[in-house]
Amino acid sequence: VTSRSITGKQYGDFLSAVFDEWLAHDVGEVFIQIFDVTLGAHVGLY
């Protein structure tokens, strides 16, 4: 991969950090696709 590419660790840490901020303040106000998709998976929807 090129040096411009994100690493797996960076991707997981990025999403986790944003999720924590979103969970504390923005559920129901800001909609982030990967969070919606993940919630869907928890109820069997893709």
ModelCIF file with pLDDT and N, C-alpha, C, O atoms, coordinates in Angstrom:
data_MODEL
#
_entry.id   MODEL 
#
_entity.id                         1 
_entity.type                       polymer 
_entity.pdbx_number_of_molecules   1 
#
_entity_poly.entity_id                      1 
_entity_poly.type                           'polypeptide(L)' 
_entity_poly.nstd_linkage                   no 
_entity_poly.nstd_monomer                   no 
_entity_poly.pdbx_seq_one_letter_code       VTSRSITGKQYGDFLSAVFDEWLAHDVGEVFIQIFDVTLGAHVGLY 
_entity_poly.pdbx_seq_one_letter_code_can   VTSRSITGKQYGDFLSAVFDEWLAHDVGEVFIQIFDVTLGAHVGLY 
_entity_poly.pdbx_strand_id                 A 
#
loop_
_entity_poly_seq.entity_id 
_entity_poly_seq.num 
_entity_poly_seq.mon_id 
_entity_poly_seq.hetero 
1 1  VAL n 
1 2  THR n 
1 3  SER n 
1 4  ARG n 
1 5  SER n 
1 6  ILE n 
1 7  THR n 
1 8  GLY n 
1 9  LYS n 
1 10 GLN n 
1 11 TYR n 
1 12 GLY n 
1 13 ASP n 
1 14 PHE n 
1 15 LEU n 
1 16 SER n 
1 17 ALA n 
1 18 VAL n 
1 19 PHE n 
1 20 ASP n 
1 21 GLU n 
1 22 TRP n 
1 23 LEU n 
1 24 ALA n 
1 25 HIS n 
1 26 ASP n 
1 27 VAL n 
1 28 GLY n 
1 29 GLU n 
1 30 VAL n 
1 31 PHE n 
1 32 ILE n 
1 33 GLN n 
1 34 ILE n 
1 35 PHE n 
1 36 ASP n 
1 37 VAL n 
1 38 THR n 
1 39 LEU n 
1 40 GLY n 
1 41 ALA n 
1 42 HIS n 
1 43 VAL n 
1 44 GLY n 
1 45 LEU n 
1 46 TYR n 
#
_struct_asym.id          A 
_struct_asym.entity_id   1 
#
loop_
_ma_qa_metric.id 
_ma_qa_metric.mode 
_ma_qa_metric.name 
_ma_qa_metric.software_group_id 
_ma_qa_metric.type 
1 global pLDDT . pLDDT 
2 local  pLDDT . pLDDT 
#
_ma_qa_metric_global.metric_id      1 
_ma_qa_metric_global.metric_value   97.41 
_ma_qa_metric_global.model_id       1 
_ma_qa_metric_global.ordinal_id     1 
#
loop_
_ma_qa_metric_local.label_asym_id 
_ma_qa_metric_local.label_comp_id 
_ma_qa_metric_local.label_seq_id 
_ma_qa_metric_local.metric_id 
_ma_qa_metric_local.metric_value 
_ma_qa_metric_local.model_id 
_ma_qa_metric_local.ordinal_id 
A VAL 1  2 98.00 1 1  
A THR 2  2 98.00 1 2  
A SER 3  2 98.00 1 3  
A ARG 4  2 98.00 1 4  
A SER 5  2 98.00 1 5  
A ILE 6  2 98.00 1 6  
A THR 7  2 98.00 1 7  
A GLY 8  2 98.00 1 8  
A LYS 9  2 98.00 1 9  
A GLN 10 2 98.00 1 10 
A TYR 11 2 98.00 1 11 
A GLY 12 2 98.00 1 12 
A ASP 13 2 98.00 1 13 
A PHE 14 2 99.00 1 14 
A LEU 15 2 98.00 1 15 
A SER 16 2 98.00 1 16 
A ALA 17 2 98.00 1 17 
A VAL 18 2 98.00 1 18 
A PHE 19 2 98.00 1 19 
A ASP 20 2 98.00 1 20 
A GLU 21 2 98.00 1 21 
A TRP 22 2 98.00 1 22 
A LEU 23 2 97.00 1 23 
A ALA 24 2 96.00 1 24 
A HIS 25 2 97.00 1 25 
A ASP 26 2 98.00 1 26 
A VAL 27 2 97.00 1 27 
A GLY 28 2 96.00 1 28 
A GLU 29 2 97.00 1 29 
A VAL 30 2 98.00 1 30 
A PHE 31 2 98.00 1 31 
A ILE 32 2 98.00 1 32 
A GLN 33 2 98.00 1 33 
A ILE 34 2 98.00 1 34 
A PHE 35 2 98.00 1 35 
A ASP 36 2 97.00 1 36 
A VAL 37 2 98.00 1 37 
A THR 38 2 98.00 1 38 
A LEU 39 2 97.00 1 39 
A GLY 40 2 97.00 1 40 
A ALA 41 2 97.00 1 41 
A HIS 42 2 96.00 1 42 
A VAL 43 2 95.00 1 43 
A GLY 44 2 94.00 1 44 
A LEU 45 2 95.00 1 45 
A TYR 46 2 94.00 1 46 
#
loop_
_atom_site.group_PDB 
_atom_site.id 
_atom_site.type_symbol 
_atom_site.label_atom_id 
_atom_site.label_alt_id 
_atom_site.label_comp_id 
_atom_site.label_asym_id 
_atom_site.label_entity_id 
_atom_site.label_seq_id 
_atom_site.pdbx_PDB_ins_code 
_atom_site.Cartn_x 
_atom_site.Cartn_y 
_atom_site.Cartn_z 
_atom_site.occupancy 
_atom_site.B_iso_or_equiv 
_atom_site.pdbx_formal_charge 
_atom_site.auth_seq_id 
_atom_site.auth_comp_id 
_atom_site.auth_asym_id 
_atom_site.auth_atom_id 
_atom_site.pdbx_PDB_model_num 
ATOM 1   N N  . VAL A 1 1  ? 0.849   -1.190 0.000  1.00 98.00 ? 1  VAL A N  1 
ATOM 2   C CA . VAL A 1 1  ? 0.000   0.000  0.000  1.00 98.00 ? 1  VAL A CA 1 
ATOM 3   C C  . VAL A 1 1  ? 0.882   1.237  0.000  1.00 98.00 ? 1  VAL A C  1 
ATOM 4   O O  . VAL A 1 1  ? 2.038   1.187  0.419  1.00 98.00 ? 1  VAL A O  1 
ATOM 5   N N  . THR A 1 2  ? 0.333   2.338  -0.469 1.00 98.00 ? 2  THR A N  1 
ATOM 6   C CA . THR A 1 2  ? 1.062   3.600  -0.463 1.00 98.00 ? 2  THR A CA 1 
ATOM 7   C C  . THR A 1 2  ? 1.115   4.179  0.946  1.00 98.00 ? 2  THR A C  1 
ATOM 8   O O  . THR A 1 2  ? 0.359   3.775  1.830  1.00 98.00 ? 2  THR A O  1 
ATOM 9   N N  . SER A 1 3  ? 2.010   5.122  1.134  1.00 98.00 ? 3  SER A N  1 
ATOM 10  C CA . SER A 1 3  ? 2.132   5.793  2.436  1.00 98.00 ? 3  SER A CA 1 
ATOM 11  C C  . SER A 1 3  ? 0.932   6.690  2.721  1.00 98.00 ? 3  SER A C  1 
ATOM 12  O O  . SER A 1 3  ? 0.751   7.130  3.856  1.00 98.00 ? 3  SER A O  1 
ATOM 13  N N  . ARG A 1 4  ? 0.113   6.967  1.715  1.00 98.00 ? 4  ARG A N  1 
ATOM 14  C CA . ARG A 1 4  ? -1.107  7.754  1.931  1.00 98.00 ? 4  ARG A CA 1 
ATOM 15  C C  . ARG A 1 4  ? -2.206  6.915  2.575  1.00 98.00 ? 4  ARG A C  1 
ATOM 16  O O  . ARG A 1 4  ? -3.142  7.463  3.158  1.00 98.00 ? 4  ARG A O  1 
ATOM 17  N N  . SER A 1 5  ? -2.103  5.612  2.475  1.00 98.00 ? 5  SER A N  1 
ATOM 18  C CA . SER A 1 5  ? -3.154  4.719  2.940  1.00 98.00 ? 5  SER A CA 1 
ATOM 19  C C  . SER A 1 5  ? -3.264  4.717  4.464  1.00 98.00 ? 5  SER A C  1 
ATOM 20  O O  . SER A 1 5  ? -2.266  4.849  5.171  1.00 98.00 ? 5  SER A O  1 
ATOM 21  N N  . ILE A 1 6  ? -4.476  4.567  4.948  1.00 98.00 ? 6  ILE A N  1 
ATOM 22  C CA . ILE A 1 6  ? -4.695  4.409  6.377  1.00 98.00 ? 6  ILE A CA 1 
ATOM 23  C C  . ILE A 1 6  ? -4.307  2.985  6.765  1.00 98.00 ? 6  ILE A C  1 
ATOM 24  O O  . ILE A 1 6  ? -4.442  2.071  5.951  1.00 98.00 ? 6  ILE A O  1 
ATOM 25  N N  . THR A 1 7  ? -3.829  2.781  7.986  1.00 98.00 ? 7  THR A N  1 
ATOM 26  C CA . THR A 1 7  ? -3.537  1.440  8.469  1.00 98.00 ? 7  THR A CA 1 
ATOM 27  C C  . THR A 1 7  ? -4.771  0.880  9.177  1.00 98.00 ? 7  THR A C  1 
ATOM 28  O O  . THR A 1 7  ? -5.687  1.621  9.535  1.00 98.00 ? 7  THR A O  1 
ATOM 29  N N  . GLY A 1 8  ? -4.778  -0.434 9.372  1.00 98.00 ? 8  GLY A N  1 
ATOM 30  C CA . GLY A 1 8  ? -5.884  -1.034 10.097 1.00 98.00 ? 8  GLY A CA 1 
ATOM 31  C C  . GLY A 1 8  ? -6.003  -0.470 11.500 1.00 98.00 ? 8  GLY A C  1 
ATOM 32  O O  . GLY A 1 8  ? -7.105  -0.158 11.953 1.00 98.00 ? 8  GLY A O  1 
ATOM 33  N N  . LYS A 1 9  ? -4.882  -0.336 12.191 1.00 98.00 ? 9  LYS A N  1 
ATOM 34  C CA . LYS A 1 9  ? -4.914  0.204  13.551 1.00 98.00 ? 9  LYS A CA 1 
ATOM 35  C C  . LYS A 1 9  ? -5.461  1.624  13.563 1.00 98.00 ? 9  LYS A C  1 
ATOM 36  O O  . LYS A 1 9  ? -6.294  1.959  14.405 1.00 98.00 ? 9  LYS A O  1 
ATOM 37  N N  . GLN A 1 10 ? -5.004  2.458  12.643 1.00 98.00 ? 10 GLN A N  1 
ATOM 38  C CA . GLN A 1 10 ? -5.496  3.838  12.583 1.00 98.00 ? 10 GLN A CA 1 
ATOM 39  C C  . GLN A 1 10 ? -7.005  3.869  12.346 1.00 98.00 ? 10 GLN A C  1 
ATOM 40  O O  . GLN A 1 10 ? -7.717  4.669  12.954 1.00 98.00 ? 10 GLN A O  1 
ATOM 41  N N  . TYR A 1 11 ? -7.485  3.006  11.468 1.00 98.00 ? 11 TYR A N  1 
ATOM 42  C CA . TYR A 1 11 ? -8.916  2.990  11.145 1.00 98.00 ? 11 TYR A CA 1 
ATOM 43  C C  . TYR A 1 11 ? -9.743  2.618  12.379 1.00 98.00 ? 11 TYR A C  1 
ATOM 44  O O  . TYR A 1 11 ? -10.731 3.280  12.696 1.00 98.00 ? 11 TYR A O  1 
ATOM 45  N N  . GLY A 1 12 ? -9.332  1.555  13.066 1.00 98.00 ? 12 GLY A N  1 
ATOM 46  C CA . GLY A 1 12 ? -10.070 1.137  14.254 1.00 98.00 ? 12 GLY A CA 1 
ATOM 47  C C  . GLY A 1 12 ? -10.037 2.181  15.344 1.00 98.00 ? 12 GLY A C  1 
ATOM 48  O O  . GLY A 1 12 ? -11.056 2.451  15.980 1.00 98.00 ? 12 GLY A O  1 
ATOM 49  N N  . ASP A 1 13 ? -8.872  2.775  15.569 1.00 98.00 ? 13 ASP A N  1 
ATOM 50  C CA . ASP A 1 13 ? -8.752  3.802  16.609 1.00 98.00 ? 13 ASP A CA 1 
ATOM 51  C C  . ASP A 1 13 ? -9.548  5.052  16.253 1.00 98.00 ? 13 ASP A C  1 
ATOM 52  O O  . ASP A 1 13 ? -10.160 5.668  17.125 1.00 98.00 ? 13 ASP A O  1 
ATOM 53  N N  . PHE A 1 14 ? -9.543  5.431  14.973 1.00 99.00 ? 14 PHE A N  1 
ATOM 54  C CA . PHE A 1 14 ? -10.288 6.609  14.528 1.00 99.00 ? 14 PHE A CA 1 
ATOM 55  C C  . PHE A 1 14 ? -11.783 6.424  14.792 1.00 99.00 ? 14 PHE A C  1 
ATOM 56  O O  . PHE A 1 14 ? -12.418 7.268  15.425 1.00 99.00 ? 14 PHE A O  1 
ATOM 57  N N  . LEU A 1 15 ? -12.336 5.322  14.305 1.00 98.00 ? 15 LEU A N  1 
ATOM 58  C CA . LEU A 1 15 ? -13.771 5.082  14.464 1.00 98.00 ? 15 LEU A CA 1 
ATOM 59  C C  . LEU A 1 15 ? -14.147 4.970  15.934 1.00 98.00 ? 15 LEU A C  1 
ATOM 60  O O  . LEU A 1 15 ? -15.197 5.466  16.343 1.00 98.00 ? 15 LEU A O  1 
ATOM 61  N N  . SER A 1 16 ? -13.308 4.329  16.729 1.00 98.00 ? 16 SER A N  1 
ATOM 62  C CA . SER A 1 16 ? -13.613 4.163  18.152 1.00 98.00 ? 16 SER A CA 1 
ATOM 63  C C  . SER A 1 16 ? -13.638 5.506  18.873 1.00 98.00 ? 16 SER A C  1 
ATOM 64  O O  . SER A 1 16 ? -14.511 5.751  19.706 1.00 98.00 ? 16 SER A O  1 
ATOM 65  N N  . ALA A 1 17 ? -12.686 6.370  18.556 1.00 98.00 ? 17 ALA A N  1 
ATOM 66  C CA . ALA A 1 17 ? -12.632 7.686  19.196 1.00 98.00 ? 17 ALA A CA 1 
ATOM 67  C C  . ALA A 1 17 ? -13.840 8.535  18.804 1.00 98.00 ? 17 ALA A C  1 
ATOM 68  O O  . ALA A 1 17 ? -14.439 9.200  19.649 1.00 98.00 ? 17 ALA A O  1 
ATOM 69  N N  . VAL A 1 18 ? -14.193 8.508  17.524 1.00 98.00 ? 18 VAL A N  1 
ATOM 70  C CA . VAL A 1 18 ? -15.364 9.265  17.075 1.00 98.00 ? 18 VAL A CA 1 
ATOM 71  C C  . VAL A 1 18 ? -16.625 8.698  17.717 1.00 98.00 ? 18 VAL A C  1 
ATOM 72  O O  . VAL A 1 18 ? -17.514 9.451  18.115 1.00 98.00 ? 18 VAL A O  1 
ATOM 73  N N  . PHE A 1 19 ? -16.705 7.371  17.820 1.00 98.00 ? 19 PHE A N  1 
ATOM 74  C CA . PHE A 1 19 ? -17.873 6.751  18.439 1.00 98.00 ? 19 PHE A CA 1 
ATOM 75  C C  . PHE A 1 19 ? -18.052 7.217  19.882 1.00 98.00 ? 19 PHE A C  1 
ATOM 76  O O  . PHE A 1 19 ? -19.171 7.514  20.302 1.00 98.00 ? 19 PHE A O  1 
ATOM 77  N N  . ASP A 1 20 ? -16.976 7.284  20.633 1.00 98.00 ? 20 ASP A N  1 
ATOM 78  C CA . ASP A 1 20 ? -17.076 7.712  22.026 1.00 98.00 ? 20 ASP A CA 1 
ATOM 79  C C  . ASP A 1 20 ? -17.604 9.139  22.135 1.00 98.00 ? 20 ASP A C  1 
ATOM 80  O O  . ASP A 1 20 ? -18.437 9.434  22.991 1.00 98.00 ? 20 ASP A O  1 
ATOM 81  N N  . GLU A 1 21 ? -17.119 10.020 21.268 1.00 98.00 ? 21 GLU A N  1 
ATOM 82  C CA . GLU A 1 21 ? -17.608 11.404 21.260 1.00 98.00 ? 21 GLU A CA 1 
ATOM 83  C C  . GLU A 1 21 ? -19.075 11.453 20.858 1.00 98.00 ? 21 GLU A C  1 
ATOM 84  O O  . GLU A 1 21 ? -19.867 12.181 21.457 1.00 98.00 ? 21 GLU A O  1 
ATOM 85  N N  . TRP A 1 22 ? -19.428 10.685 19.854 1.00 98.00 ? 22 TRP A N  1 
ATOM 86  C CA . TRP A 1 22 ? -20.815 10.629 19.372 1.00 98.00 ? 22 TRP A CA 1 
ATOM 87  C C  . TRP A 1 22 ? -21.748 10.050 20.425 1.00 98.00 ? 22 TRP A C  1 
ATOM 88  O O  . TRP A 1 22 ? -22.847 10.561 20.643 1.00 98.00 ? 22 TRP A O  1 
ATOM 89  N N  . LEU A 1 23 ? -21.304 8.978  21.078 1.00 97.00 ? 23 LEU A N  1 
ATOM 90  C CA . LEU A 1 23 ? -22.129 8.323  22.093 1.00 97.00 ? 23 LEU A CA 1 
ATOM 91  C C  . LEU A 1 23 ? -22.409 9.251  23.264 1.00 97.00 ? 23 LEU A C  1 
ATOM 92  O O  . LEU A 1 23 ? -23.491 9.210  23.849 1.00 97.00 ? 23 LEU A O  1 
ATOM 93  N N  . ALA A 1 24 ? -21.445 10.081 23.603 1.00 96.00 ? 24 ALA A N  1 
ATOM 94  C CA . ALA A 1 24 ? -21.598 10.982 24.747 1.00 96.00 ? 24 ALA A CA 1 
ATOM 95  C C  . ALA A 1 24 ? -22.513 12.158 24.456 1.00 96.00 ? 24 ALA A C  1 
ATOM 96  O O  . ALA A 1 24 ? -23.149 12.691 25.366 1.00 96.00 ? 24 ALA A O  1 
ATOM 97  N N  . HIS A 1 25 ? -22.586 12.576 23.171 1.00 97.00 ? 25 HIS A N  1 
ATOM 98  C CA . HIS A 1 25 ? -23.269 13.843 22.889 1.00 97.00 ? 25 HIS A CA 1 
ATOM 99  C C  . HIS A 1 25 ? -24.285 13.828 21.749 1.00 97.00 ? 25 HIS A C  1 
ATOM 100 O O  . HIS A 1 25 ? -25.183 14.670 21.729 1.00 97.00 ? 25 HIS A O  1 
ATOM 101 N N  . ASP A 1 26 ? -24.172 12.898 20.802 1.00 98.00 ? 26 ASP A N  1 
ATOM 102 C CA . ASP A 1 26 ? -24.832 13.137 19.516 1.00 98.00 ? 26 ASP A CA 1 
ATOM 103 C C  . ASP A 1 26 ? -25.744 12.033 18.995 1.00 98.00 ? 26 ASP A C  1 
ATOM 104 O O  . ASP A 1 26 ? -26.179 12.100 17.845 1.00 98.00 ? 26 ASP A O  1 
ATOM 105 N N  . VAL A 1 27 ? -26.043 11.032 19.794 1.00 97.00 ? 27 VAL A N  1 
ATOM 106 C CA . VAL A 1 27 ? -26.939 9.972  19.329 1.00 97.00 ? 27 VAL A CA 1 
ATOM 107 C C  . VAL A 1 27 ? -28.302 10.578 19.014 1.00 97.00 ? 27 VAL A C  1 
ATOM 108 O O  . VAL A 1 27 ? -28.883 11.285 19.837 1.00 97.00 ? 27 VAL A O  1 
ATOM 109 N N  . GLY A 1 28 ? -28.797 10.298 17.836 1.00 96.00 ? 28 GLY A N  1 
ATOM 110 C CA . GLY A 1 28 ? -30.085 10.844 17.420 1.00 96.00 ? 28 GLY A CA 1 
ATOM 111 C C  . GLY A 1 28 ? -30.003 12.221 16.799 1.00 96.00 ? 28 GLY A C  1 
ATOM 112 O O  . GLY A 1 28 ? -30.996 12.733 16.282 1.00 96.00 ? 28 GLY A O  1 
ATOM 113 N N  . GLU A 1 29 ? -28.811 12.834 16.847 1.00 97.00 ? 29 GLU A N  1 
ATOM 114 C CA . GLU A 1 29 ? -28.617 14.167 16.283 1.00 97.00 ? 29 GLU A CA 1 
ATOM 115 C C  . GLU A 1 29 ? -27.685 14.153 15.082 1.00 97.00 ? 29 GLU A C  1 
ATOM 116 O O  . GLU A 1 29 ? -27.927 14.856 14.101 1.00 97.00 ? 29 GLU A O  1 
ATOM 117 N N  . VAL A 1 30 ? -26.638 13.369 15.148 1.00 98.00 ? 30 VAL A N  1 
ATOM 118 C CA . VAL A 1 30 ? -25.684 13.207 14.050 1.00 98.00 ? 30 VAL A CA 1 
ATOM 119 C C  . VAL A 1 30 ? -25.698 11.748 13.630 1.00 98.00 ? 30 VAL A C  1 
ATOM 120 O O  . VAL A 1 30 ? -25.677 10.850 14.472 1.00 98.00 ? 30 VAL A O  1 
ATOM 121 N N  . PHE A 1 31 ? -25.734 11.518 12.330 1.00 98.00 ? 31 PHE A N  1 
ATOM 122 C CA . PHE A 1 31 ? -25.855 10.158 11.813 1.00 98.00 ? 31 PHE A CA 1 
ATOM 123 C C  . PHE A 1 31 ? -24.599 9.810  11.018 1.00 98.00 ? 31 PHE A C  1 
ATOM 124 O O  . PHE A 1 31 ? -24.279 10.450 10.016 1.00 98.00 ? 31 PHE A O  1 
ATOM 125 N N  . ILE A 1 32 ? -23.904 8.793  11.486 1.00 98.00 ? 32 ILE A N  1 
ATOM 126 C CA . ILE A 1 32 ? -22.643 8.367  10.882 1.00 98.00 ? 32 ILE A CA 1 
ATOM 127 C C  . ILE A 1 32 ? -22.861 6.979  10.288 1.00 98.00 ? 32 ILE A C  1 
ATOM 128 O O  . ILE A 1 32 ? -23.249 6.045  10.989 1.00 98.00 ? 32 ILE A O  1 
ATOM 129 N N  . GLN A 1 33 ? -22.610 6.859  9.002  1.00 98.00 ? 33 GLN A N  1 
ATOM 130 C CA . GLN A 1 33 ? -23.007 5.663  8.272  1.00 98.00 ? 33 GLN A CA 1 
ATOM 131 C C  . GLN A 1 33 ? -22.524 4.374  8.925  1.00 98.00 ? 33 GLN A C  1 
ATOM 132 O O  . GLN A 1 33 ? -23.319 3.452  9.108  1.00 98.00 ? 33 GLN A O  1 
ATOM 133 N N  . ILE A 1 34 ? -21.252 4.282  9.277  1.00 98.00 ? 34 ILE A N  1 
ATOM 134 C CA . ILE A 1 34 ? -20.717 3.033  9.817  1.00 98.00 ? 34 ILE A CA 1 
ATOM 135 C C  . ILE A 1 34 ? -21.373 2.683  11.152 1.00 98.00 ? 34 ILE A C  1 
ATOM 136 O O  . ILE A 1 34 ? -21.484 1.504  11.487 1.00 98.00 ? 34 ILE A O  1 
ATOM 137 N N  . PHE A 1 35 ? -21.807 3.678  11.915 1.00 98.00 ? 35 PHE A N  1 
ATOM 138 C CA . PHE A 1 35 ? -22.506 3.397  13.173 1.00 98.00 ? 35 PHE A CA 1 
ATOM 139 C C  . PHE A 1 35 ? -23.908 2.855  12.877 1.00 98.00 ? 35 PHE A C  1 
ATOM 140 O O  . PHE A 1 35 ? -24.357 1.905  13.518 1.00 98.00 ? 35 PHE A O  1 
ATOM 141 N N  . ASP A 1 36 ? -24.585 3.452  11.919 1.00 97.00 ? 36 ASP A N  1 
ATOM 142 C CA . ASP A 1 36 ? -25.908 2.948  11.528 1.00 97.00 ? 36 ASP A CA 1 
ATOM 143 C C  . ASP A 1 36 ? -25.815 1.516  11.004 1.00 97.00 ? 36 ASP A C  1 
ATOM 144 O O  . ASP A 1 36 ? -26.643 0.666  11.331 1.00 97.00 ? 36 ASP A O  1 
ATOM 145 N N  . VAL A 1 37 ? -24.787 1.265  10.183 1.00 98.00 ? 37 VAL A N  1 
ATOM 146 C CA . VAL A 1 37 ? -24.594 -0.064 9.606  1.00 98.00 ? 37 VAL A CA 1 
ATOM 147 C C  . VAL A 1 37 ? -24.329 -1.092 10.702 1.00 98.00 ? 37 VAL A C  1 
ATOM 148 O O  . VAL A 1 37 ? -24.852 -2.205 10.657 1.00 98.00 ? 37 VAL A O  1 
ATOM 149 N N  . THR A 1 38 ? -23.523 -0.719 11.675 1.00 98.00 ? 38 THR A N  1 
ATOM 150 C CA . THR A 1 38 ? -23.188 -1.633 12.763 1.00 98.00 ? 38 THR A CA 1 
ATOM 151 C C  . THR A 1 38 ? -24.407 -1.926 13.623 1.00 98.00 ? 38 THR A C  1 
ATOM 152 O O  . THR A 1 38 ? -24.624 -3.070 14.022 1.00 98.00 ? 38 THR A O  1 
ATOM 153 N N  . LEU A 1 39 ? -25.198 -0.911 13.909 1.00 97.00 ? 39 LEU A N  1 
ATOM 154 C CA . LEU A 1 39 ? -26.426 -1.132 14.667 1.00 97.00 ? 39 LEU A CA 1 
ATOM 155 C C  . LEU A 1 39 ? -27.364 -2.053 13.893 1.00 97.00 ? 39 LEU A C  1 
ATOM 156 O O  . LEU A 1 39 ? -28.015 -2.919 14.478 1.00 97.00 ? 39 LEU A O  1 
ATOM 157 N N  . GLY A 1 40 ? -27.429 -1.863 12.583 1.00 97.00 ? 40 GLY A N  1 
ATOM 158 C CA . GLY A 1 40 ? -28.243 -2.751 11.755 1.00 97.00 ? 40 GLY A CA 1 
ATOM 159 C C  . GLY A 1 40 ? -27.804 -4.200 11.864 1.00 97.00 ? 40 GLY A C  1 
ATOM 160 O O  . GLY A 1 40 ? -28.638 -5.101 11.952 1.00 97.00 ? 40 GLY A O  1 
ATOM 161 N N  . ALA A 1 41 ? -26.496 -4.426 11.859 1.00 97.00 ? 41 ALA A N  1 
ATOM 162 C CA . ALA A 1 41 ? -25.972 -5.794 11.973 1.00 97.00 ? 41 ALA A CA 1 
ATOM 163 C C  . ALA A 1 41 ? -26.391 -6.442 13.287 1.00 97.00 ? 41 ALA A C  1 
ATOM 164 O O  . ALA A 1 41 ? -26.592 -7.655 13.352 1.00 97.00 ? 41 ALA A O  1 
ATOM 165 N N  . HIS A 1 42 ? -26.523 -5.634 14.330 1.00 96.00 ? 42 HIS A N  1 
ATOM 166 C CA . HIS A 1 42 ? -26.926 -6.167 15.633 1.00 96.00 ? 42 HIS A CA 1 
ATOM 167 C C  . HIS A 1 42 ? -28.386 -6.605 15.660 1.00 96.00 ? 42 HIS A C  1 
ATOM 168 O O  . HIS A 1 42 ? -28.804 -7.317 16.573 1.00 96.00 ? 42 HIS A O  1 
ATOM 169 N N  . VAL A 1 43 ? -29.156 -6.189 14.676 1.00 95.00 ? 43 VAL A N  1 
ATOM 170 C CA . VAL A 1 43 ? -30.552 -6.655 14.580 1.00 95.00 ? 43 VAL A CA 1 
ATOM 171 C C  . VAL A 1 43 ? -30.769 -7.463 13.297 1.00 95.00 ? 43 VAL A C  1 
ATOM 172 O O  . VAL A 1 43 ? -31.906 -7.716 12.896 1.00 95.00 ? 43 VAL A O  1 
ATOM 173 N N  . GLY A 1 44 ? -29.655 -7.866 12.655 1.00 94.00 ? 44 GLY A N  1 
ATOM 174 C CA . GLY A 1 44 ? -29.743 -8.740 11.492 1.00 94.00 ? 44 GLY A CA 1 
ATOM 175 C C  . GLY A 1 44 ? -30.049 -8.058 10.183 1.00 94.00 ? 44 GLY A C  1 
ATOM 176 O O  . GLY A 1 44 ? -30.497 -8.711 9.240  1.00 94.00 ? 44 GLY A O  1 
ATOM 177 N N  . LEU A 1 45 ? -29.814 -6.738 10.097 1.00 95.00 ? 45 LEU A N  1 
ATOM 178 C CA . LEU A 1 45 ? -30.082 -5.998 8.865  1.00 95.00 ? 45 LEU A CA 1 
ATOM 179 C C  . LEU A 1 45 ? -28.764 -5.500 8.281  1.00 95.00 ? 45 LEU A C  1 
ATOM 180 O O  . LEU A 1 45 ? -27.898 -5.014 9.007  1.00 95.00 ? 45 LEU A O  1 
ATOM 181 N N  . TYR A 1 46 ? -28.620 -5.627 6.957  1.00 94.00 ? 46 TYR A N  1 
ATOM 182 C CA . TYR A 1 46 ? -27.383 -5.202 6.295  1.00 94.00 ? 46 TYR A CA 1 
ATOM 183 C C  . TYR A 1 46 ? -27.726 -4.235 5.171  1.00 94.00 ? 46 TYR A C  1 
ATOM 184 O O  . TYR A 1 46 ? -26.831 -3.750 4.479  1.00 94.00 ? 46 TYR A O  1 
#
